[in-house]
Every structure is written in C-alpha cells, then in structure tokens.
Amino acid sequence: MKLDSPTLIFSIGILSLLMAFITWTFQGAIAERNYGLKTWSVGISCVGVSLILNFLRGELHPLLGILGANASLMAGGTLGLIAPAIFYQAKFSRPTVVMAISVGVTSLLAYYFFDFPIAFAMIGVCFAMAVVLIYSAVVVYRSAPKPISFSTHAFALSMGVMGMTYFARDVIVGVNPNVSVAPVTLAGTHQSVLIFGALFVVCSSMSFYSMVQEEQQREIRERSKRDPLTGLFNRRAFFESAEKLSEDKSLFSIVMIDIDHFKLINDTYGHLGGDAVLTFAGRLIANMFRVDDIPCRFGGEEFCVLVRNCNEEQAQQQANLVVDKFRQSVIRLPEYDEVKITISAGISEHISGQQLLKTIQAADVALYRAKHSGRNQVQRFSEKMNIESTE
C-alpha cells in the first residue's frame, strides 16, 4: 500500500499533537522546577497545527493555509530551541533567532502580498528552520553536563539532522527554483522526507522526555544527600565524601561548629525561630568556606566542615573569620524579631593513615573546650585536651 503525501502530512500532524499532549500531562517528581516541558509541548503543538493547516490548505483561505501554517511551523521551531535552553538554564543569542525568523516571515509576506514566487517563501522558511534547529543542537551540546547521556545525544542529533534537512531543501530550491515546493510543509513533498519528519517528532519528544527524567533522578539523588533545612550535606553524604579523601591521604582539617545557647533560642522563640537560626547558620557557613570544602549539618545545632588542603593553623584562621561573622550578624526571625547568636568551633588536622572518625572526635574535643572556656571562640585540638577529657 502506498501512502500519499497529504495523508502523511495529516498523520504526522496528529502524531505531533499526541506527543504534545503526552508531554504536557507529564508530572515529574520535582514539580517546583521548570524543565521546559510545557514550552516543548506548545512547540510540538505548533508543528502539528502547521501540518494540519497544510493538509486542509485547499479548503482554507491562503492566509491560514500558507501564512498561518508556516508561521506556526516557525513558532514551533523557535519554542523547540527555547525549551532545552530553559531545561539547561542556558543563554542563547536572541538576535540570531530573531534574524532567522525575520527572514522566514519576510519571505512569506513577500509571497502573499507582493506575488513573489512560492519558491522564495520556501527558501526563507527553510532557512529560518535550519538556523533555529541547528542552533538548538549547539545549545544542547554546549550546555549539557559531561559525559553526555544517550538521550541528550538523541535529542541534539534529531534537532541537528532535521535542521540540516531544512538546509538541504533550502539549497535545492535555491539552485532550482522550479522544483516542486508546494505545499510549503515541514519536509517538502517527498514521502521519504515526511516519514523522516514523523521520526523526528517522536525521537525529539521522547529523548527530551528522557532528558527530563534523567535530570530529575539526578536531583533526587542530590537531594537525598542534603539536609532539607540548611541545604548542607547530611551526615551520611559527608562521610561518603570525607572517607574518599581520607583514603587518598589528602591533606585536610576538620572544623566542628556549635551554636551557643541554642536551647535558649528554641525556648524563647519556639521551633520556628530555631529553624530560622539553623537555616541562617547553614547559609553563612556555606558562604564562608570554599566551594571545594565539605560542610554538613552533623546533628541538631552542630555542624562539621572538612576544609581541604588546609592544616590546622590555616583552618583556625578561617574558623576565626566565621566566628567573627556570626558575632556581627543579626538574624531576622518570624514575627519580625531579631536575634544575635555566637558560635564555638573546634579544629583538628587529619593525620595521614588516621581514621576519619578519630579526627572528628578530636575536633569535637576541641569544640568542648571552646564551649567550656566561655564560648564564642575557636580552639585547636591538642593531646593535653584529650587527657583532660578522659579524667
């Protein structure tokens, strides 16, 4: 059985709308982030509307059958670029996109209002779609984290190959304006290209869907490592990272931090006030240490920071800055109350070959000394402390 082009055009149009519906109704596990799925579904809908308008072209006014169909097509292509840009939170050159779409729109208007040949409109539309789709592939490859996953390759390649198809069609019509170009559709009049267009709709949509799923799974794994209140690593994630550094015999120090008189804060301002203080403390600690350092909420009002490539003297200098910063800060609590807090900190340098837990215990002993020496200060571990703590 041989399918005619109009039937293929209509079938791909319905397929596009179906894929758009599936994408629109997808509910991810992390609803608060915009992954670009809605934008992609609107873009695929535009492609479907374009194809159906082309199918009905003989029954419609040219304003809809030609201008409307191709304007909808270019809108779909543009949204197909914006969707992955939203997904990767990536920037793209808006002037490039505006220039390409302007060429397509201008060629259509010249055909409709000034009787330019339809081949002229075809060249403009194909040029616009080629630029937008190829640029989409560039944005994806430029923004995707390495190593690039299979679904990302599939999406970028489907966009790029379809863009090259438009470019080839553009060149063919430019070289031979008498070639059949009506109707001005997604992939010309050849059935083989139309079938490829159907594969493009399915492949690009399903691969984009898979990209979102992969990203959500990655974010879920990352969230499982984080304390929900402070955003710092939780205890389990901290030990996973710290143990690797310990096994590699890397130089690092441990800083144990405790909020002074935290029970009094809870008793005075309630648990909401206590949570606000903990949130503030987590944010300040994360900002005061380097990106490569590993801060975590160790438990309750106690925090632990692994300071990489740092001996205990350097770690103490940094901890003193943190203590000073807390002393100078004012925290605004719920109900507009303000409170000032201080912290105490203990330092211990990790000795190569020593168990990580022993280094943490040493820092905790130094923290105990800081608390019992008046709080609001930093103490470095010494063997003398260890002897005193056991007496």
Protein backbone atom coordinates (compact mmCIF):
# COMPACT_ATOMS: atom_id res chain seq x y z
CA MET A 1 0.00 0.00 0.00
CA LYS A 2 1.34 3.42 -0.98
CA LEU A 3 0.60 6.42 1.19
CA ASP A 4 0.02 9.78 -0.45
CA SER A 5 1.69 12.94 0.87
CA PRO A 6 -1.49 14.59 2.23
CA THR A 7 -2.24 11.50 4.34
CA LEU A 8 1.29 11.51 5.70
CA ILE A 9 1.07 15.21 6.46
CA PHE A 10 -2.19 14.75 8.37
CA SER A 11 -0.86 11.69 10.22
CA ILE A 12 2.30 13.49 11.35
CA GLY A 13 0.18 16.46 12.43
CA ILE A 14 -1.98 14.25 14.65
CA LEU A 15 1.14 12.48 15.93
CA SER A 16 2.65 15.85 16.88
CA LEU A 17 -0.45 16.84 18.81
CA LEU A 18 -0.47 13.47 20.57
CA MET A 19 3.18 13.83 21.60
CA ALA A 20 2.43 17.37 22.80
CA PHE A 21 -0.42 16.07 24.94
CA ILE A 22 1.78 13.36 26.48
CA THR A 23 4.50 15.91 27.27
CA TRP A 24 2.04 18.42 28.71
CA THR A 25 0.47 15.89 31.08
CA PHE A 26 3.81 14.58 32.34
CA GLN A 27 4.13 15.21 36.07
CA GLY A 28 7.67 14.94 37.32
CA ALA A 29 8.82 14.05 40.80
CA ILE A 30 10.16 17.60 41.31
CA ALA A 31 7.34 19.96 40.38
CA GLU A 32 8.83 23.26 41.52
CA ARG A 33 11.44 23.50 38.75
CA ASN A 34 10.66 24.50 35.17
CA TYR A 35 12.21 21.88 32.89
CA GLY A 36 10.84 23.36 29.67
CA LEU A 37 8.34 20.53 29.14
CA LYS A 38 5.37 22.88 28.76
CA THR A 39 7.31 25.01 26.29
CA TRP A 40 8.26 21.92 24.31
CA SER A 41 4.67 20.65 24.23
CA VAL A 42 3.43 24.02 22.91
CA GLY A 43 6.18 23.93 20.27
CA ILE A 44 5.23 20.43 19.11
CA SER A 45 1.57 21.53 19.08
CA CYS A 46 2.52 24.37 16.74
CA VAL A 47 4.18 21.87 14.42
CA GLY A 48 1.05 19.70 14.49
CA VAL A 49 -1.22 22.67 13.78
CA SER A 50 1.06 23.68 10.92
CA LEU A 51 0.81 20.26 9.31
CA ILE A 52 -2.96 20.04 9.70
CA LEU A 53 -3.35 23.52 8.17
CA ASN A 54 -1.23 22.34 5.25
CA PHE A 55 -3.41 19.26 4.90
CA LEU A 56 -6.51 21.49 4.78
CA ARG A 57 -4.84 24.11 2.59
CA GLY A 58 -7.16 23.58 -0.33
CA GLU A 59 -10.19 24.24 1.87
CA LEU A 60 -8.77 27.27 3.67
CA HIS A 61 -8.03 30.87 2.83
CA PRO A 62 -4.32 31.30 1.89
CA LEU A 63 -3.90 33.48 4.97
CA LEU A 64 -4.38 30.34 7.07
CA GLY A 65 -3.30 27.64 4.65
CA ILE A 66 0.05 29.22 3.82
CA LEU A 67 0.90 32.11 6.13
CA GLY A 68 -0.71 30.56 9.21
CA ALA A 69 0.77 27.12 8.57
CA ASN A 70 4.32 28.34 8.12
CA ALA A 71 4.15 30.93 10.88
CA SER A 72 3.01 28.13 13.21
CA LEU A 73 5.88 25.95 11.96
CA MET A 74 8.48 28.62 12.70
CA ALA A 75 6.92 29.26 16.11
CA GLY A 76 7.26 25.55 16.85
CA GLY A 77 10.91 25.58 15.79
CA THR A 78 11.63 28.60 17.99
CA LEU A 79 9.97 27.01 21.02
CA GLY A 80 11.98 23.87 20.25
CA LEU A 81 15.08 25.98 20.90
CA ILE A 82 13.71 27.77 23.97
CA ALA A 83 12.65 24.51 25.69
CA PRO A 84 16.17 22.98 26.03
CA ALA A 85 17.52 26.44 26.92
CA ILE A 86 15.04 26.51 29.83
CA PHE A 87 15.95 22.94 30.74
CA TYR A 88 19.67 23.72 30.96
CA GLN A 89 19.05 27.26 32.23
CA ALA A 90 21.29 28.32 29.36
CA LYS A 91 21.55 31.58 27.48
CA PHE A 92 21.27 31.75 23.71
CA SER A 93 21.69 34.50 21.13
CA ARG A 94 18.27 36.10 20.73
CA PRO A 95 19.45 38.31 17.82
CA THR A 96 20.40 35.15 15.88
CA VAL A 97 16.93 33.66 16.39
CA VAL A 98 15.14 36.93 15.62
CA MET A 99 17.20 37.34 12.44
CA ALA A 100 16.40 33.82 11.23
CA ILE A 101 12.66 34.07 11.95
CA SER A 102 12.56 37.55 10.39
CA VAL A 103 13.92 36.10 7.16
CA GLY A 104 11.19 33.47 7.15
CA VAL A 105 8.39 35.90 7.96
CA THR A 106 9.61 38.43 5.38
CA SER A 107 9.72 35.80 2.65
CA LEU A 108 6.16 34.69 3.46
CA LEU A 109 4.84 38.26 3.43
CA ALA A 110 6.63 38.93 0.12
CA TYR A 111 4.95 35.84 -1.36
CA TYR A 112 1.49 36.66 -0.03
CA PHE A 113 1.31 40.43 -0.52
CA PHE A 114 3.75 41.11 -3.38
CA ASP A 115 3.30 37.98 -5.53
CA PHE A 116 6.85 36.72 -5.12
CA PRO A 117 7.32 33.09 -6.25
CA ILE A 118 6.39 30.43 -3.72
CA ALA A 119 9.97 29.17 -4.02
CA PHE A 120 11.06 32.46 -2.45
CA ALA A 121 8.85 31.78 0.57
CA MET A 122 10.15 28.20 0.74
CA ILE A 123 13.75 29.37 0.84
CA GLY A 124 13.04 31.83 3.64
CA VAL A 125 11.09 29.37 5.80
CA CYS A 126 13.63 26.57 5.32
CA PHE A 127 16.48 28.96 6.15
CA ALA A 128 14.73 30.04 9.37
CA MET A 129 14.03 26.46 10.46
CA ALA A 130 17.56 25.30 9.58
CA VAL A 131 19.16 28.04 11.69
CA VAL A 132 16.86 27.53 14.68
CA LEU A 133 17.10 23.72 14.76
CA ILE A 134 20.86 23.53 14.22
CA TYR A 135 21.33 26.23 16.84
CA SER A 136 19.21 24.12 19.22
CA ALA A 137 21.64 21.24 18.83
CA VAL A 138 24.56 23.61 19.50
CA VAL A 139 22.91 24.95 22.68
CA VAL A 140 22.29 21.40 23.94
CA TYR A 141 25.85 20.19 23.33
CA ARG A 142 27.31 23.39 24.77
CA SER A 143 25.18 23.24 27.93
CA ALA A 144 24.85 19.52 28.67
CA PRO A 145 26.96 18.19 31.55
CA LYS A 146 29.74 15.80 30.62
CA PRO A 147 29.68 12.91 29.95
CA ILE A 148 26.74 13.46 27.63
CA SER A 149 23.97 10.88 28.03
CA PHE A 150 22.43 8.83 25.22
CA SER A 151 19.10 10.67 25.42
CA THR A 152 20.89 14.02 25.12
CA HIS A 153 22.77 12.79 22.06
CA ALA A 154 19.50 11.55 20.57
CA PHE A 155 17.76 14.88 21.15
CA ALA A 156 20.60 17.03 19.84
CA LEU A 157 21.15 14.82 16.80
CA SER A 158 17.46 14.74 15.90
CA MET A 159 17.33 18.55 16.06
CA GLY A 160 20.59 18.94 14.15
CA VAL A 161 19.76 16.40 11.44
CA MET A 162 16.32 17.91 10.90
CA GLY A 163 17.95 21.31 10.68
CA MET A 164 20.37 20.01 8.05
CA THR A 165 17.38 18.57 6.16
CA TYR A 166 15.85 22.03 6.01
CA PHE A 167 19.20 23.44 4.91
CA ALA A 168 19.47 20.85 2.11
CA ARG A 169 15.93 21.68 0.99
CA ASP A 170 16.86 25.36 1.06
CA VAL A 171 19.86 24.75 -1.19
CA ILE A 172 17.87 22.57 -3.62
CA VAL A 173 15.16 25.18 -4.06
CA GLY A 174 17.76 27.95 -4.34
CA VAL A 175 19.62 26.12 -7.10
CA ASN A 176 16.47 25.03 -8.91
CA PRO A 177 13.52 27.35 -8.11
CA ASN A 178 11.28 25.28 -10.43
CA VAL A 179 11.45 22.23 -8.18
CA SER A 180 8.13 21.28 -6.63
CA VAL A 181 7.76 23.19 -3.36
CA ALA A 182 4.05 23.24 -2.78
CA PRO A 183 2.76 22.90 -0.20
CA VAL A 184 5.37 24.63 1.93
CA THR A 185 5.43 21.99 4.65
CA LEU A 186 7.59 20.53 7.35
CA ALA A 187 9.63 18.47 4.92
CA GLY A 188 8.65 19.28 1.38
CA THR A 189 6.58 16.95 -0.78
CA HIS A 190 8.64 13.79 -0.75
CA GLN A 191 7.13 10.95 1.24
CA SER A 192 10.53 9.73 2.43
CA VAL A 193 11.24 13.11 3.98
CA LEU A 194 7.78 13.20 5.53
CA ILE A 195 8.42 9.83 7.15
CA PHE A 196 11.69 11.21 8.46
CA GLY A 197 9.71 14.15 9.83
CA ALA A 198 7.50 11.73 11.76
CA LEU A 199 10.56 10.04 13.21
CA PHE A 200 11.90 13.46 14.17
CA VAL A 201 8.74 14.31 16.12
CA VAL A 202 8.85 11.03 18.04
CA CYS A 203 12.60 10.92 18.61
CA SER A 204 12.98 14.53 19.71
CA SER A 205 9.97 14.40 22.02
CA MET A 206 10.85 11.08 23.65
CA SER A 207 14.52 12.00 24.06
CA PHE A 208 13.60 15.35 25.63
CA TYR A 209 11.24 13.50 27.96
CA SER A 210 14.11 11.12 28.86
CA MET A 211 16.46 14.05 29.47
CA VAL A 212 13.99 15.46 31.98
CA GLN A 213 13.62 12.10 33.72
CA GLU A 214 17.39 11.69 33.98
CA GLU A 215 17.77 15.20 35.40
CA GLN A 216 15.03 14.61 37.95
CA GLN A 217 16.63 11.36 39.06
CA ARG A 218 19.95 13.18 39.44
CA GLU A 219 18.28 15.92 41.51
CA ILE A 220 16.53 13.35 43.70
CA ARG A 221 19.88 11.67 44.38
CA GLU A 222 21.42 15.05 45.16
CA ARG A 223 18.55 16.00 47.48
CA SER A 224 18.95 12.72 49.36
CA LYS A 225 22.44 13.94 50.29
CA ARG A 226 21.23 17.28 51.62
CA ASP A 227 19.80 18.40 54.94
CA PRO A 228 16.39 19.86 53.97
CA LEU A 229 16.59 22.74 56.46
CA THR A 230 20.10 24.10 55.85
CA GLY A 231 20.85 22.80 52.36
CA LEU A 232 24.20 21.44 53.56
CA PHE A 233 25.29 17.83 53.16
CA ASN A 234 23.72 15.44 55.62
CA ARG A 235 25.87 13.23 57.83
CA ARG A 236 25.82 10.21 55.53
CA ALA A 237 26.84 12.20 52.44
CA PHE A 238 29.57 13.94 54.42
CA PHE A 239 31.13 10.66 55.49
CA GLU A 240 30.95 9.29 51.92
CA SER A 241 32.94 12.26 50.59
CA ALA A 242 35.28 12.58 53.56
CA GLU A 243 36.18 8.89 53.62
CA LYS A 244 37.36 9.09 49.99
CA LEU A 245 39.69 11.96 50.83
CA SER A 246 40.93 10.11 53.89
CA GLU A 247 41.71 7.00 51.83
CA ASP A 248 43.56 9.16 49.27
CA LYS A 249 45.73 10.51 52.11
CA SER A 250 44.74 14.07 51.21
CA LEU A 251 45.57 16.97 53.48
CA PHE A 252 42.53 18.37 55.28
CA SER A 253 41.31 19.61 58.63
CA ILE A 254 38.01 19.16 60.42
CA VAL A 255 36.11 22.10 61.92
CA MET A 256 33.33 21.28 64.36
CA ILE A 257 30.88 24.17 64.95
CA ASP A 258 28.14 24.51 67.54
CA ILE A 259 25.62 27.32 68.02
CA ASP A 260 25.94 28.76 71.52
CA HIS A 261 22.88 28.62 73.80
CA PHE A 262 20.70 27.14 71.06
CA LYS A 263 18.28 25.60 73.59
CA LEU A 264 17.58 29.10 74.91
CA ILE A 265 16.74 30.24 71.38
CA ASN A 266 14.27 27.38 70.98
CA ASP A 267 12.72 28.04 74.39
CA THR A 268 12.39 31.77 73.69
CA TYR A 269 11.35 31.86 70.05
CA GLY A 270 9.94 28.37 69.52
CA HIS A 271 10.94 25.82 66.91
CA LEU A 272 10.21 28.19 64.03
CA GLY A 273 12.72 30.62 65.48
CA GLY A 274 15.19 27.79 65.99
CA ASP A 275 14.72 26.64 62.39
CA ALA A 276 15.33 30.18 61.14
CA VAL A 277 18.59 30.33 63.10
CA LEU A 278 19.70 26.95 61.74
CA THR A 279 18.84 28.00 58.18
CA PHE A 280 20.83 31.21 58.58
CA ALA A 281 23.76 29.32 60.09
CA GLY A 282 23.83 26.79 57.26
CA ARG A 283 23.79 29.53 54.64
CA LEU A 284 26.53 31.55 56.36
CA ILE A 285 28.77 28.51 56.86
CA ALA A 286 28.37 27.51 53.20
CA ASN A 287 29.29 31.02 52.08
CA MET A 288 32.28 31.41 54.41
CA PHE A 289 34.06 28.26 53.26
CA ARG A 290 35.35 27.43 49.78
CA VAL A 291 33.45 25.55 47.10
CA ASP A 292 35.79 22.56 47.45
CA ASP A 293 35.25 22.31 51.21
CA ILE A 294 32.59 19.94 52.55
CA PRO A 295 30.21 21.48 55.12
CA CYS A 296 27.46 19.39 56.67
CA ARG A 297 24.84 19.55 59.39
CA PHE A 298 26.22 16.97 61.79
CA GLY A 299 23.20 16.88 64.04
CA GLY A 300 20.95 19.30 65.91
CA GLU A 301 22.72 22.66 66.13
CA GLU A 302 26.15 21.13 65.39
CA PHE A 303 27.93 21.49 62.04
CA CYS A 304 31.03 19.83 60.66
CA VAL A 305 33.24 21.19 57.87
CA LEU A 306 36.03 19.36 56.07
CA VAL A 307 38.48 22.04 54.95
CA ARG A 308 40.53 20.69 52.06
CA ASN A 309 44.28 21.29 51.54
CA CYS A 310 44.42 23.07 54.86
CA ASN A 311 46.45 22.45 58.03
CA GLU A 312 45.05 23.22 61.46
CA GLU A 313 46.61 26.68 61.60
CA GLN A 314 45.01 27.71 58.31
CA ALA A 315 41.74 26.09 59.37
CA GLN A 316 41.80 28.06 62.61
CA GLN A 317 42.27 31.33 60.71
CA GLN A 318 39.23 30.54 58.60
CA ALA A 319 37.19 29.42 61.61
CA ASN A 320 38.02 32.67 63.41
CA LEU A 321 36.59 34.58 60.44
CA VAL A 322 33.41 32.50 60.67
CA VAL A 323 33.10 33.14 64.42
CA ASP A 324 33.56 36.90 63.84
CA LYS A 325 30.96 36.88 61.07
CA PHE A 326 28.38 35.22 63.31
CA ARG A 327 29.15 37.67 66.10
CA GLN A 328 28.48 40.62 63.77
CA SER A 329 25.34 39.21 62.14
CA VAL A 330 21.72 39.88 63.05
CA ILE A 331 19.09 37.25 62.23
CA ARG A 332 15.52 38.29 61.49
CA LEU A 333 13.13 35.69 62.89
CA PRO A 334 9.42 35.09 62.17
CA GLU A 335 7.14 37.77 63.62
CA TYR A 336 9.95 40.30 62.88
CA ASP A 337 12.02 39.51 65.98
CA GLU A 338 15.76 39.96 65.66
CA VAL A 339 18.40 37.90 67.43
CA LYS A 340 22.17 37.78 67.54
CA ILE A 341 23.98 34.50 68.04
CA THR A 342 27.52 33.28 68.54
CA ILE A 343 29.21 30.00 67.76
CA SER A 344 32.04 27.92 69.15
CA ALA A 345 34.39 25.87 66.98
CA GLY A 346 36.96 23.11 67.41
CA ILE A 347 39.78 22.31 64.97
CA SER A 348 41.70 19.12 64.28
CA GLU A 349 44.10 18.38 61.44
CA HIS A 350 43.74 14.97 59.86
CA ILE A 351 46.84 12.80 60.15
CA SER A 352 47.55 10.56 57.18
CA GLY A 353 46.58 6.98 57.99
CA GLN A 354 44.40 8.02 60.91
CA GLN A 355 40.76 7.01 60.96
CA LEU A 356 38.47 9.83 59.91
CA LEU A 357 36.24 9.30 62.95
CA LYS A 358 39.19 9.87 65.24
CA THR A 359 39.92 13.23 63.58
CA ILE A 360 36.28 14.23 64.02
CA GLN A 361 36.35 13.15 67.66
CA ALA A 362 39.48 15.25 68.20
CA ALA A 363 37.76 18.31 66.69
CA ASP A 364 34.77 17.61 68.93
CA VAL A 365 37.05 17.56 71.99
CA ALA A 366 38.42 20.96 70.91
CA LEU A 367 34.85 22.21 70.48
CA TYR A 368 34.05 21.00 74.01
CA ARG A 369 37.00 23.03 75.29
CA ALA A 370 35.80 26.13 73.39
CA LYS A 371 32.32 25.78 74.91
CA HIS A 372 33.69 25.43 78.44
CA SER A 373 36.18 28.26 78.00
CA GLY A 374 33.50 30.90 77.55
CA ARG A 375 32.07 30.07 74.07
CA ASN A 376 32.24 32.44 71.07
CA GLN A 377 35.76 31.24 70.21
CA VAL A 378 37.89 28.70 68.36
CA GLN A 379 40.09 26.03 69.93
CA ARG A 380 42.64 23.73 68.29
CA PHE A 381 42.95 20.15 69.43
CA SER A 382 45.95 19.11 71.50
CA GLU A 383 46.82 15.87 73.25
CA LYS A 384 46.53 17.73 76.54
CA MET A 385 42.82 18.26 75.83
CA ASN A 386 42.45 14.56 75.16
CA ILE A 387 43.98 13.70 78.52
CA GLU A 388 41.80 16.23 80.35
CA SER A 389 38.62 14.94 78.68
CA THR A 390 39.28 11.43 79.96
CA GLU A 391 39.96 12.48 83.54
